[in-house]
N, C-alpha and C. Protein backbone atom coordinates (compact mmCIF):
# COMPACT_ATOMS: atom_id res chain seq x y z
N MET A 1 3.34 -5.00 23.45
CA MET A 1 2.93 -5.65 23.20
C MET A 1 3.16 -6.85 24.00
N LYS A 2 2.70 -7.73 24.06
CA LYS A 2 3.12 -9.19 24.83
C LYS A 2 3.19 -10.46 24.03
N HIS A 3 2.54 -9.77 22.68
CA HIS A 3 2.03 -10.66 21.21
C HIS A 3 3.15 -10.22 20.33
N LEU A 4 3.58 -9.63 20.48
CA LEU A 4 4.46 -8.75 19.28
C LEU A 4 5.58 -10.35 18.80
N PRO A 5 6.21 -10.69 19.57
CA PRO A 5 7.44 -11.95 19.11
C PRO A 5 6.91 -12.90 18.30
N PHE A 6 5.42 -13.42 18.90
CA PHE A 6 4.51 -13.92 18.19
C PHE A 6 4.12 -13.89 16.95
N ILE A 7 3.55 -12.50 16.92
CA ILE A 7 3.32 -11.86 15.79
C ILE A 7 4.38 -12.16 14.69
N LEU A 8 4.82 -12.05 14.90
CA LEU A 8 6.35 -11.94 14.13
C LEU A 8 6.64 -12.54 13.85
N LYS A 9 7.21 -13.40 14.29
CA LYS A 9 7.21 -15.07 14.02
C LYS A 9 6.76 -15.94 12.75
N THR A 10 5.19 -15.61 12.88
CA THR A 10 4.32 -16.25 11.96
C THR A 10 4.15 -15.56 11.30
N LEU A 11 4.31 -14.13 11.17
CA LEU A 11 4.09 -13.55 9.81
C LEU A 11 4.64 -13.84 9.20
N ASP A 12 6.64 -14.05 9.48
CA ASP A 12 7.20 -14.39 9.11
C ASP A 12 7.56 -16.38 8.72
N GLU A 13 6.89 -16.77 9.21
CA GLU A 13 6.27 -18.13 8.62
C GLU A 13 5.56 -18.28 7.62
N MET A 14 4.27 -17.31 7.54
CA MET A 14 3.50 -17.40 6.24
C MET A 14 3.89 -16.86 5.19
N TYR A 15 4.61 -15.61 5.29
CA TYR A 15 4.78 -14.63 4.21
C TYR A 15 6.60 -14.68 4.62
N PRO A 16 7.27 -15.12 3.60
CA PRO A 16 8.29 -14.82 4.11
C PRO A 16 9.37 -13.83 3.58
N ASN A 17 8.88 -13.95 2.05
CA ASN A 17 9.11 -12.83 0.96
C ASN A 17 8.03 -12.19 0.61
N ALA A 18 7.88 -11.96 1.60
CA ALA A 18 6.26 -10.42 1.48
C ALA A 18 7.32 -9.75 0.69
N THR A 19 6.39 -8.54 -0.61
CA THR A 19 6.79 -7.17 -0.75
C THR A 19 5.63 -7.19 -1.45
N VAL A 20 6.26 -5.99 -1.96
CA VAL A 20 5.17 -4.89 -2.52
C VAL A 20 4.03 -5.49 -3.78
N GLU A 21 3.11 -5.87 -4.28
CA GLU A 21 2.79 -6.49 -5.40
C GLU A 21 2.13 -5.50 -6.56
N LEU A 22 2.64 -4.44 -6.70
CA LEU A 22 2.70 -3.38 -7.84
C LEU A 22 3.58 -3.54 -8.77
N ASP A 23 3.25 -3.74 -9.69
CA ASP A 23 4.77 -4.31 -10.57
C ASP A 23 5.19 -3.11 -11.17
N HIS A 24 6.55 -3.04 -10.79
CA HIS A 24 7.60 -2.00 -11.30
C HIS A 24 8.78 -1.79 -11.89
N ARG A 25 9.51 -1.16 -12.72
CA ARG A 25 11.01 -1.94 -13.26
C ARG A 25 11.73 -0.61 -12.41
N ASN A 26 11.32 0.89 -12.10
CA ASN A 26 12.11 2.03 -11.70
C ASN A 26 11.02 2.73 -10.38
N ASN A 27 12.22 3.59 -9.74
CA ASN A 27 11.04 4.79 -8.57
C ASN A 27 10.08 4.91 -9.26
N PHE A 28 10.04 5.18 -10.85
CA PHE A 28 9.12 6.00 -11.00
C PHE A 28 7.57 5.58 -11.67
N GLU A 29 7.89 4.44 -12.30
CA GLU A 29 6.86 3.23 -12.14
C GLU A 29 6.80 3.17 -10.90
N LEU A 30 7.35 2.58 -9.81
CA LEU A 30 6.77 2.76 -8.63
C LEU A 30 5.75 3.21 -8.30
N LEU A 31 5.98 4.86 -8.22
CA LEU A 31 5.26 6.01 -7.65
C LEU A 31 3.96 6.28 -8.87
N ILE A 32 4.25 5.84 -9.91
CA ILE A 32 3.22 6.39 -10.54
C ILE A 32 2.09 5.36 -10.02
N SER A 33 2.61 3.79 -10.51
CA SER A 33 1.72 2.77 -10.07
C SER A 33 1.11 2.74 -8.14
N VAL A 34 1.95 2.97 -7.20
CA VAL A 34 1.16 3.57 -5.98
C VAL A 34 0.03 4.71 -5.81
N VAL A 35 0.35 5.53 -6.80
CA VAL A 35 -0.77 7.04 -7.45
C VAL A 35 -2.32 6.05 -7.62
N LEU A 36 -1.86 4.90 -8.72
CA LEU A 36 -3.14 5.01 -9.78
C LEU A 36 -3.98 3.99 -8.68
N SER A 37 -2.74 3.48 -7.46
CA SER A 37 -3.56 2.10 -6.56
C SER A 37 -4.74 2.77 -5.66
N ALA A 38 -5.03 3.62 -5.39
CA ALA A 38 -6.01 4.56 -4.27
C ALA A 38 -7.72 4.01 -4.90
N GLN A 39 -7.86 3.72 -3.80
CA GLN A 39 -8.99 2.81 -3.99
C GLN A 39 -9.47 1.70 -4.80
N THR A 40 -8.65 1.16 -5.38
CA THR A 40 -8.11 0.23 -6.37
C THR A 40 -7.28 -0.56 -6.07
N THR A 41 -7.86 -1.94 -6.50
CA THR A 41 -6.43 -2.70 -6.54
C THR A 41 -5.01 -2.75 -6.86
N ASP A 42 -4.22 -3.97 -6.58
CA ASP A 42 -2.82 -4.05 -7.01
C ASP A 42 -3.01 -4.53 -8.47
N ILE A 43 -4.22 -5.60 -8.38
CA ILE A 43 -4.32 -6.78 -9.47
C ILE A 43 -5.07 -5.73 -10.99
N ALA A 44 -5.97 -4.63 -10.54
CA ALA A 44 -6.32 -3.95 -11.24
C ALA A 44 -5.72 -3.19 -12.05
N VAL A 45 -4.14 -2.32 -11.32
CA VAL A 45 -3.15 -1.47 -11.65
C VAL A 45 -2.18 -2.29 -12.53
N ASN A 46 -2.17 -3.79 -11.91
CA ASN A 46 -1.04 -3.92 -12.15
C ASN A 46 -1.53 -4.56 -13.81
N LYS A 47 -2.82 -4.64 -14.27
CA LYS A 47 -3.31 -5.17 -15.64
C LYS A 47 -3.05 -4.10 -16.42
N ILE A 48 -3.38 -2.69 -16.12
CA ILE A 48 -3.41 -1.11 -17.03
C ILE A 48 -1.21 -1.08 -17.04
N THR A 49 -0.87 -0.81 -16.43
CA THR A 49 0.59 -0.41 -16.45
C THR A 49 1.52 -0.76 -17.41
N PRO A 50 1.41 -1.91 -17.57
CA PRO A 50 2.51 -1.57 -18.70
C PRO A 50 2.58 -1.72 -20.03
N ALA A 51 0.94 -1.01 -20.71
CA ALA A 51 0.95 -0.65 -21.93
C ALA A 51 0.84 0.83 -21.71
N LEU A 52 0.75 1.51 -20.67
CA LEU A 52 0.89 2.69 -19.30
C LEU A 52 2.18 3.18 -19.84
N PHE A 53 3.28 2.19 -18.97
CA PHE A 53 4.75 2.69 -19.31
C PHE A 53 5.24 1.75 -20.38
N ASN A 54 4.82 1.48 -21.19
CA ASN A 54 5.37 1.55 -22.71
C ASN A 54 5.41 3.22 -23.68
N LYS A 55 3.86 3.70 -23.25
CA LYS A 55 4.04 4.46 -24.17
C LYS A 55 4.39 6.01 -23.31
N TYR A 56 4.68 5.51 -21.90
CA TYR A 56 5.38 6.85 -20.95
C TYR A 56 6.67 6.14 -20.74
N PRO A 57 7.40 5.67 -20.61
CA PRO A 57 8.05 5.33 -20.01
C PRO A 57 9.18 5.97 -18.73
N THR A 58 8.85 7.62 -19.30
CA THR A 58 9.51 8.74 -18.07
C THR A 58 8.88 9.49 -17.91
N PRO A 59 9.34 10.66 -16.95
CA PRO A 59 8.66 11.74 -16.88
C PRO A 59 8.62 12.51 -17.30
N GLU A 60 9.34 12.63 -18.25
CA GLU A 60 9.22 13.56 -20.20
C GLU A 60 8.51 13.31 -20.55
N LEU A 61 7.81 12.38 -21.12
CA LEU A 61 7.24 11.83 -21.83
C LEU A 61 5.51 12.42 -21.15
N LEU A 62 5.77 11.67 -20.20
CA LEU A 62 3.82 11.76 -19.52
C LEU A 62 3.35 13.10 -19.16
N ALA A 63 4.80 14.12 -18.59
CA ALA A 63 4.58 15.54 -18.73
C ALA A 63 3.96 16.25 -19.95
N LYS A 64 4.48 15.58 -20.87
CA LYS A 64 3.72 15.76 -22.18
C LYS A 64 2.50 15.55 -22.83
N ALA A 65 1.85 14.71 -22.02
CA ALA A 65 1.09 13.80 -22.17
C ALA A 65 -0.61 14.23 -22.47
N LYS A 66 -1.79 14.04 -23.48
CA LYS A 66 -2.80 14.91 -23.23
C LYS A 66 -3.86 14.10 -21.89
N GLU A 67 -4.47 14.53 -21.26
CA GLU A 67 -4.98 14.06 -20.26
C GLU A 67 -6.20 13.05 -20.97
N GLU A 68 -6.54 13.30 -22.00
CA GLU A 68 -7.39 12.25 -22.18
C GLU A 68 -7.20 11.25 -23.10
N ASP A 69 -5.48 11.39 -23.59
CA ASP A 69 -4.77 10.44 -23.89
C ASP A 69 -4.28 9.39 -22.97
N VAL A 70 -4.18 9.87 -21.63
CA VAL A 70 -3.86 9.22 -20.35
C VAL A 70 -4.61 8.33 -20.30
N ILE A 71 -6.04 8.54 -19.54
CA ILE A 71 -7.26 8.38 -19.47
C ILE A 71 -7.45 6.88 -20.20
N THR A 72 -7.29 7.12 -21.76
CA THR A 72 -7.55 5.90 -22.44
C THR A 72 -6.59 4.39 -22.01
N TYR A 73 -5.85 4.63 -21.37
CA TYR A 73 -4.94 3.59 -20.60
C TYR A 73 -5.37 3.33 -19.29
N ILE A 74 -6.20 4.04 -18.46
CA ILE A 74 -6.33 3.65 -17.18
C ILE A 74 -7.88 3.93 -16.95
N ARG A 75 -8.86 3.89 -18.06
CA ARG A 75 -10.38 3.90 -18.29
C ARG A 75 -10.69 3.34 -17.22
N THR A 76 -10.24 1.74 -16.86
CA THR A 76 -10.66 0.19 -15.74
C THR A 76 -10.51 0.62 -14.60
N ILE A 77 -9.60 2.05 -14.01
CA ILE A 77 -9.47 1.78 -12.82
C ILE A 77 -10.12 2.47 -11.96
N GLY A 78 -10.86 3.24 -10.65
CA GLY A 78 -11.41 4.44 -10.13
C GLY A 78 -10.85 5.24 -10.13
N LEU A 79 -11.38 6.59 -10.26
CA LEU A 79 -10.99 7.83 -10.07
C LEU A 79 -9.83 8.00 -10.91
N PHE A 80 -9.87 7.48 -12.55
CA PHE A 80 -9.51 7.52 -14.02
C PHE A 80 -8.73 9.36 -14.07
N ARG A 81 -10.66 9.37 -13.66
CA ARG A 81 -9.82 10.97 -15.08
C ARG A 81 -9.16 11.87 -13.93
N ASN A 82 -9.35 11.54 -12.62
CA ASN A 82 -8.59 12.89 -11.62
C ASN A 82 -7.11 12.15 -11.33
N LYS A 83 -6.91 10.73 -11.70
CA LYS A 83 -5.21 10.23 -11.83
C LYS A 83 -4.70 10.41 -12.84
N ALA A 84 -5.36 10.90 -14.03
CA ALA A 84 -4.42 11.46 -15.39
C ALA A 84 -3.72 12.21 -15.02
N LYS A 85 -5.18 13.63 -14.54
CA LYS A 85 -4.50 14.51 -14.09
C LYS A 85 -3.63 14.41 -13.62
N ASN A 86 -3.10 13.95 -12.29
CA ASN A 86 -2.52 14.01 -11.35
C ASN A 86 -0.97 13.37 -11.69
N ILE A 87 -0.81 12.58 -12.26
CA ILE A 87 0.49 11.85 -12.79
C ILE A 87 0.94 12.41 -13.94
N ILE A 88 -0.19 12.83 -15.13
CA ILE A 88 0.35 14.64 -15.90
C ILE A 88 1.02 15.23 -14.99
N ALA A 89 0.74 15.97 -13.87
CA ALA A 89 1.46 17.26 -12.88
C ALA A 89 2.35 16.32 -12.01
N LEU A 90 2.57 15.45 -11.95
CA LEU A 90 3.53 15.00 -10.71
C LEU A 90 4.19 14.84 -11.63
N SER A 91 4.32 14.51 -12.33
CA SER A 91 5.52 14.16 -14.03
C SER A 91 6.05 15.55 -14.22
N LYS A 92 5.31 16.98 -14.00
CA LYS A 92 5.75 17.99 -15.11
C LYS A 92 6.69 18.68 -13.67
N GLN A 93 6.03 17.93 -11.68
CA GLN A 93 6.37 18.36 -11.04
C GLN A 93 8.47 17.64 -10.50
N LEU A 94 7.95 16.62 -11.06
CA LEU A 94 9.55 15.85 -10.81
C LEU A 94 10.87 16.42 -11.68
N ILE A 95 10.20 16.52 -13.80
CA ILE A 95 10.66 17.57 -14.08
C ILE A 95 11.43 19.48 -13.43
N ASP A 96 10.56 19.84 -13.11
CA ASP A 96 10.66 21.33 -13.07
C ASP A 96 11.74 21.91 -11.74
N LYS A 97 11.37 20.52 -10.37
CA LYS A 97 11.60 20.56 -9.59
C LYS A 97 12.94 19.16 -8.95
N HIS A 98 12.82 18.74 -9.19
CA HIS A 98 14.04 16.94 -9.37
C HIS A 98 14.33 16.37 -10.09
N HIS A 99 14.82 17.20 -11.44
CA HIS A 99 15.78 16.35 -12.61
C HIS A 99 15.06 15.82 -12.82
N GLY A 100 14.23 15.55 -12.80
CA GLY A 100 13.57 13.79 -13.34
C GLY A 100 13.24 12.99 -12.43
N GLN A 101 13.84 12.99 -11.67
CA GLN A 101 13.90 11.53 -10.69
C GLN A 101 12.46 12.16 -9.94
N VAL A 102 12.68 10.97 -8.51
CA VAL A 102 11.81 10.36 -7.90
C VAL A 102 12.44 11.40 -6.21
N PRO A 103 11.90 11.95 -5.67
CA PRO A 103 12.65 12.59 -4.36
C PRO A 103 12.42 11.31 -3.26
N SER A 104 13.21 11.46 -2.38
CA SER A 104 13.54 10.54 -1.37
C SER A 104 13.34 11.16 -0.16
N THR A 105 12.54 12.35 0.29
CA THR A 105 12.35 12.82 1.05
C THR A 105 10.58 12.94 1.14
N ARG A 106 9.71 12.92 2.52
CA ARG A 106 8.49 12.93 2.41
C ARG A 106 7.97 14.34 2.59
N GLU A 107 8.54 15.30 2.34
CA GLU A 107 8.20 15.98 2.18
C GLU A 107 8.15 16.93 0.44
N ASP A 108 9.09 16.14 -0.19
CA ASP A 108 8.76 16.30 -1.59
C ASP A 108 8.10 15.29 -1.71
N LEU A 109 8.18 14.24 -1.28
CA LEU A 109 6.65 13.28 -1.97
C LEU A 109 5.53 14.04 -1.98
N GLU A 110 5.55 14.39 -0.91
CA GLU A 110 3.60 14.38 -0.09
C GLU A 110 3.08 16.34 -1.03
N ALA A 111 4.69 16.72 -1.44
CA ALA A 111 4.06 17.67 -2.36
C ALA A 111 4.14 17.80 -3.44
N LEU A 112 3.77 16.42 -4.43
CA LEU A 112 3.61 15.84 -5.66
C LEU A 112 1.79 15.77 -5.27
N PRO A 113 1.32 16.25 -6.55
CA PRO A 113 -0.21 16.65 -6.98
C PRO A 113 -0.40 14.80 -6.68
N GLY A 114 -1.04 14.15 -5.60
CA GLY A 114 -1.99 13.03 -5.90
C GLY A 114 -1.45 12.11 -4.81
N VAL A 115 -0.15 12.72 -4.24
CA VAL A 115 0.73 11.81 -2.76
C VAL A 115 0.47 11.95 -2.02
N GLY A 116 0.18 10.92 -1.34
CA GLY A 116 -0.39 11.41 0.18
C GLY A 116 0.32 10.77 1.40
N ARG A 117 0.68 10.47 2.42
CA ARG A 117 1.46 10.06 3.48
C ARG A 117 1.37 8.52 3.29
N LYS A 118 0.34 8.06 2.88
CA LYS A 118 0.40 6.61 2.50
C LYS A 118 1.37 6.24 1.55
N THR A 119 0.91 7.27 0.22
CA THR A 119 1.99 6.88 -0.93
C THR A 119 3.37 6.59 -0.90
N ALA A 120 3.56 8.07 -0.05
CA ALA A 120 4.78 8.64 0.02
C ALA A 120 5.68 7.47 1.64
N ASN A 121 4.59 6.76 2.43
CA ASN A 121 5.83 5.29 2.80
C ASN A 121 6.05 4.70 2.35
N VAL A 122 5.30 4.56 1.15
CA VAL A 122 4.83 3.05 0.32
C VAL A 122 6.50 3.24 -0.94
N VAL A 123 6.33 4.79 -0.68
CA VAL A 123 7.85 4.97 -1.99
C VAL A 123 9.45 4.61 -1.23
N LEU A 124 8.75 6.11 -0.10
CA LEU A 124 9.87 5.88 1.29
C LEU A 124 10.98 4.43 0.84
N SER A 125 9.84 3.74 1.51
CA SER A 125 10.31 2.19 1.83
C SER A 125 10.74 1.52 0.92
N ASN A 126 9.65 1.75 0.21
CA ASN A 126 10.22 0.30 -1.07
C ASN A 126 11.41 0.68 -2.23
N ALA A 127 11.45 2.29 -2.39
CA ALA A 127 12.32 2.49 -3.33
C ALA A 127 13.65 3.41 -2.58
N PHE A 128 13.92 4.10 -1.58
CA PHE A 128 15.10 3.95 -0.46
C PHE A 128 15.94 3.02 0.61
N GLY A 129 14.84 2.53 1.12
CA GLY A 129 14.98 1.75 1.90
C GLY A 129 14.81 2.19 3.36
N ILE A 130 13.79 3.36 3.18
CA ILE A 130 13.89 4.24 4.24
C ILE A 130 12.38 3.80 5.58
N PRO A 131 12.65 3.38 6.84
CA PRO A 131 11.25 3.21 7.40
C PRO A 131 10.54 3.42 7.46
N ALA A 132 9.42 2.81 6.81
CA ALA A 132 7.78 3.10 7.04
C ALA A 132 7.26 2.36 6.79
N LEU A 133 5.80 2.68 7.73
CA LEU A 133 4.68 2.22 7.58
C LEU A 133 3.58 2.74 6.86
N ALA A 134 3.40 2.32 6.12
CA ALA A 134 2.09 2.42 4.97
C ALA A 134 1.15 1.96 5.61
N VAL A 135 -0.51 2.95 5.63
CA VAL A 135 -1.20 2.03 6.74
C VAL A 135 -2.32 1.98 5.15
N ASP A 136 -2.95 1.11 5.06
CA ASP A 136 -3.74 1.21 3.97
C ASP A 136 -5.23 0.35 4.59
N THR A 137 -5.93 -0.41 4.18
CA THR A 137 -7.52 -0.71 4.53
C THR A 137 -6.44 -2.18 5.08
N HIS A 138 -5.91 -2.50 4.73
CA HIS A 138 -5.81 -3.25 5.14
C HIS A 138 -4.40 -3.93 6.36
N VAL A 139 -4.17 -2.68 6.46
CA VAL A 139 -3.14 -3.12 7.74
C VAL A 139 -3.92 -2.37 8.74
N ALA A 140 -4.86 -1.56 7.80
CA ALA A 140 -5.84 -0.35 9.25
C ALA A 140 -6.41 -1.68 10.05
N ARG A 141 -7.12 -2.55 9.06
CA ARG A 141 -8.14 -3.84 9.54
C ARG A 141 -7.60 -4.94 10.77
N VAL A 142 -6.08 -4.91 9.63
CA VAL A 142 -4.94 -6.53 10.82
C VAL A 142 -4.88 -5.54 12.24
N SER A 143 -4.20 -4.60 11.88
CA SER A 143 -3.86 -3.46 12.85
C SER A 143 -5.16 -3.95 14.01
N VAL A 144 -5.96 -3.59 13.55
CA VAL A 144 -7.49 -3.66 14.86
C VAL A 144 -7.45 -5.01 15.80
N ARG A 145 -7.19 -5.72 14.77
CA ARG A 145 -8.20 -7.08 15.50
C ARG A 145 -7.15 -8.13 16.02
N LEU A 146 -5.53 -7.68 15.92
CA LEU A 146 -4.57 -7.94 16.94
C LEU A 146 -4.39 -7.46 17.65
N GLY A 147 -4.66 -5.93 17.69
CA GLY A 147 -4.69 -5.52 19.26
C GLY A 147 -3.49 -4.21 19.51
N PHE A 148 -3.15 -3.66 17.95
CA PHE A 148 -2.42 -2.83 17.90
C PHE A 148 -2.93 -1.56 18.12
N ALA A 149 -3.96 -1.44 17.68
CA ALA A 149 -4.93 -0.11 17.82
C ALA A 149 -6.28 -0.60 18.38
N LYS A 150 -7.22 0.87 17.83
CA LYS A 150 -7.88 0.11 18.62
C LYS A 150 -9.43 0.94 17.64
N PRO A 151 -10.40 0.58 17.30
CA PRO A 151 -11.76 0.85 16.57
C PRO A 151 -11.71 1.88 16.49
N GLY A 152 -12.14 2.70 15.10
CA GLY A 152 -12.44 4.03 15.29
C GLY A 152 -11.04 4.86 15.14
N ASP A 153 -9.73 4.19 14.77
CA ASP A 153 -8.73 5.14 15.12
C ASP A 153 -8.35 6.00 13.78
N SER A 154 -8.15 6.32 13.44
CA SER A 154 -7.57 7.39 12.42
C SER A 154 -6.66 6.80 11.71
N VAL A 155 -5.96 6.59 10.70
CA VAL A 155 -5.12 6.12 9.64
C VAL A 155 -3.54 6.43 10.68
N LEU A 156 -3.11 7.78 10.87
CA LEU A 156 -2.20 7.99 11.37
C LEU A 156 -2.27 7.92 12.75
N THR A 157 -3.24 7.75 13.78
CA THR A 157 -3.50 7.05 14.71
C THR A 157 -2.92 6.01 14.85
N ILE A 158 -2.87 4.93 14.24
CA ILE A 158 -2.85 3.34 13.43
C ILE A 158 -0.78 3.35 13.52
N GLU A 159 -0.95 4.57 12.58
CA GLU A 159 0.25 4.66 11.79
C GLU A 159 1.77 4.27 13.11
N LYS A 160 1.52 5.61 14.17
CA LYS A 160 1.84 6.00 15.14
C LYS A 160 1.79 4.54 15.79
N LYS A 161 1.07 4.31 16.42
CA LYS A 161 0.83 2.91 17.10
C LYS A 161 1.75 1.52 17.11
N LEU A 162 1.87 1.47 15.51
CA LEU A 162 2.70 0.23 14.99
C LEU A 162 4.02 0.52 15.21
N MET A 163 4.19 2.17 14.90
CA MET A 163 5.43 2.40 15.22
C MET A 163 5.91 1.98 16.99
N GLU A 164 5.36 2.26 17.14
CA GLU A 164 4.98 2.71 19.05
C GLU A 164 5.88 1.29 19.40
N GLN A 165 4.90 0.66 19.23
CA GLN A 165 4.72 -0.86 18.89
C GLN A 165 6.16 -1.83 18.49
N ILE A 166 6.62 -2.02 17.29
CA ILE A 166 6.67 -2.27 16.25
C ILE A 166 8.54 -2.38 16.29
N PRO A 167 9.23 -2.86 16.31
CA PRO A 167 11.03 -1.85 16.06
C PRO A 167 11.02 -1.67 14.24
N GLU A 168 11.68 -0.52 14.55
CA GLU A 168 12.05 0.13 13.14
C GLU A 168 12.62 -1.31 11.95
N GLU A 169 12.94 -2.11 12.42
CA GLU A 169 13.93 -2.64 11.89
C GLU A 169 12.94 -3.25 11.25
N TYR A 170 11.66 -4.17 11.56
CA TYR A 170 10.62 -5.05 10.79
C TYR A 170 9.24 -3.96 10.09
N TRP A 171 9.60 -2.60 9.91
CA TRP A 171 8.61 -1.82 9.57
C TRP A 171 8.15 -2.18 8.47
N GLN A 172 9.58 -2.42 7.27
CA GLN A 172 8.86 -2.51 6.03
C GLN A 172 8.89 -3.31 5.73
N LYS A 173 9.31 -4.18 6.37
CA LYS A 173 8.69 -6.44 5.69
C LYS A 173 7.27 -6.44 6.76
N VAL A 174 7.04 -6.15 7.90
CA VAL A 174 5.68 -6.51 7.91
C VAL A 174 4.36 -5.50 7.87
N HIS A 175 5.23 -4.30 7.31
CA HIS A 175 4.17 -3.67 6.62
C HIS A 175 3.55 -4.15 5.25
N HIS A 176 4.42 -4.82 4.52
CA HIS A 176 3.60 -6.10 3.15
C HIS A 176 3.52 -7.37 4.29
N GLN A 177 3.74 -7.70 4.88
CA GLN A 177 3.07 -8.50 5.81
C GLN A 177 1.78 -9.01 6.36
N PHE A 178 1.35 -7.45 7.52
CA PHE A 178 0.20 -6.50 7.42
C PHE A 178 -0.90 -7.09 6.13
N ILE A 179 -0.34 -6.47 4.71
CA ILE A 179 -1.23 -6.05 3.93
C ILE A 179 -1.50 -7.88 2.93
N HIS A 180 -1.04 -8.46 3.37
CA HIS A 180 -1.38 -9.72 2.55
C HIS A 180 -1.71 -10.70 3.61
N PHE A 181 -1.73 -10.74 4.98
CA PHE A 181 -2.18 -10.98 5.65
C PHE A 181 -3.95 -10.53 5.45
N GLY A 182 -3.86 -9.32 5.56
CA GLY A 182 -5.17 -8.61 4.85
C GLY A 182 -6.18 -8.97 4.11
N ARG A 183 -5.40 -9.40 2.79
CA ARG A 183 -5.32 -9.58 1.79
C ARG A 183 -5.71 -10.89 1.78
N TYR A 184 -5.30 -11.65 2.57
CA TYR A 184 -5.58 -12.77 1.79
C TYR A 184 -5.98 -13.89 2.99
N HIS A 185 -6.00 -13.63 3.96
CA HIS A 185 -6.28 -14.51 5.21
C HIS A 185 -7.37 -13.53 6.17
N CYS A 186 -6.89 -13.06 6.63
CA CYS A 186 -8.18 -12.22 7.32
C CYS A 186 -8.72 -11.07 6.68
N LEU A 187 -9.38 -11.06 5.99
CA LEU A 187 -10.64 -10.38 5.17
C LEU A 187 -11.58 -9.97 5.93
N ALA A 188 -11.83 -8.68 5.13
CA ALA A 188 -12.96 -7.80 6.20
C ALA A 188 -14.22 -8.24 6.25
N ARG A 189 -14.73 -8.99 5.04
CA ARG A 189 -16.42 -9.64 5.12
C ARG A 189 -16.23 -11.46 5.48
N ASN A 190 -15.52 -11.98 5.06
CA ASN A 190 -15.20 -13.26 5.45
C ASN A 190 -13.53 -13.60 5.54
N PRO A 191 -13.18 -13.71 6.91
CA PRO A 191 -11.86 -14.34 7.24
C PRO A 191 -11.95 -15.36 7.00
N LYS A 192 -10.70 -15.42 7.00
CA LYS A 192 -10.77 -17.51 7.85
C LYS A 192 -10.07 -17.65 8.80
N CYS A 193 -10.76 -17.24 10.02
CA CYS A 193 -11.21 -17.31 11.24
C CYS A 193 -10.57 -19.21 11.85
N TYR A 194 -11.32 -19.74 10.77
CA TYR A 194 -11.03 -21.21 10.88
C TYR A 194 -9.89 -21.50 10.98
N SER A 195 -8.80 -21.19 10.09
CA SER A 195 -7.54 -21.25 9.72
C SER A 195 -6.34 -20.50 10.07
N CYS A 196 -7.08 -19.44 11.24
CA CYS A 196 -6.49 -18.98 11.57
C CYS A 196 -4.80 -19.17 13.03
N PRO A 197 -3.83 -18.24 12.88
CA PRO A 197 -3.05 -18.66 13.83
C PRO A 197 -2.82 -17.92 15.08
N PHE A 198 -3.58 -16.66 14.55
CA PHE A 198 -4.04 -16.19 15.67
C PHE A 198 -5.32 -15.62 16.10
N TYR A 199 -6.08 -16.63 16.68
CA TYR A 199 -7.49 -16.69 16.62
C TYR A 199 -7.79 -16.03 18.20
N ASP A 200 -6.66 -16.76 18.93
CA ASP A 200 -6.44 -16.62 20.51
C ASP A 200 -6.59 -15.47 20.82
N ILE A 201 -5.58 -14.98 20.51
CA ILE A 201 -5.18 -13.43 20.28
C ILE A 201 -6.48 -12.65 19.80
N CYS A 202 -6.87 -12.43 18.58
CA CYS A 202 -7.63 -11.85 18.60
C CYS A 202 -9.21 -11.05 18.52
N THR A 203 -8.63 -9.76 18.20
CA THR A 203 -9.90 -8.75 19.34
C THR A 203 -10.98 -8.80 18.10
N PHE A 204 -11.45 -9.47 16.97
CA PHE A 204 -12.63 -9.12 16.19
C PHE A 204 -13.93 -10.05 17.18
N GLU A 205 -14.38 -8.56 16.81
CA GLU A 205 -16.04 -9.77 17.92
C GLU A 205 -16.59 -10.56 17.24
N LYS A 206 -16.83 -10.69 15.66
CA LYS A 206 -17.42 -11.36 15.41
C LYS A 206 -16.79 -12.80 15.31
N LYS A 207 -15.56 -13.45 15.54
CA LYS A 207 -14.36 -13.75 14.79
C LYS A 207 -15.49 -15.33 14.89
N SER A 208 -15.79 -15.86 16.23
CA SER A 208 -17.04 -16.79 16.63
C SER A 208 -17.91 -17.76 15.15
N LEU A 209 -18.54 -16.39 14.85
CA LEU A 209 -18.79 -16.40 13.55
C LEU A 209 -18.38 -17.26 12.59
N PHE A 210 -17.00 -17.32 12.46
CA PHE A 210 -16.46 -17.73 10.75
C PHE A 210 -15.46 -19.01 11.59
N ARG A 211 -15.30 -19.21 12.81
CA ARG A 211 -14.48 -20.16 13.37
C ARG A 211 -14.59 -21.50 12.48
N ASN A 212 -15.29 -21.84 12.48
CA ASN A 212 -16.44 -23.47 11.46
C ASN A 212 -16.87 -23.04 10.57
N LYS A 213 -16.62 -21.79 9.82
CA LYS A 213 -17.30 -21.37 8.56
C LYS A 213 -15.66 -21.96 7.82
N VAL A 214 -15.88 -22.75 6.93
CA VAL A 214 -14.04 -22.37 5.40
C VAL A 214 -14.78 -21.58 4.08
N ASN A 215 -14.60 -20.62 4.61
CA ASN A 215 -14.77 -19.92 3.13
C ASN A 215 -14.91 -21.00 1.44
N ASP A 216 -15.60 -20.33 0.55
CA ASP A 216 -16.09 -21.03 -0.59
C ASP A 216 -14.29 -20.35 -1.32
């Protein structure tokens, strides 16, 4: 992609310290937080995890928890009942198969209840420094608008296209930069096209409608 150097340089200037915004103190808390964040904002997850982790700081304690008790801590987020079931089952599996430790391979991570490819990528990248590109709604939207992918591409297709076009050493950082750019600038409904450094290369068909519209 001919615009890649400009995109990477600009994102570095905009978000030089971009990193995961889920609060966590260790790999276990990161894993649980990412599972809880599915179809929920990081802000909402960060509000509930301090009390949750205070009550269940280890896989051993969470594995023994009753589902209804866990629900009392996570009821304010989406899909809370299914997530409660998954993080309890996940904790049991960590104990039974991984000596209570979060595994560092994609195969082992994706075998855990509630863990899909995106969650595995986040954990591999942030917990173990293994290059990976997790594609969430923000990354997908930015990837399409900046021309890395096409509208209608699946999450896996977008991930593969990003990996093909962006050098591996940038994956971890650019993943967070794409999220930040999508979350705070290139929004789904009211993108800040009026101040976008990528306006001229953006493929968003409706960008002209937002060119002179300053969001509230």
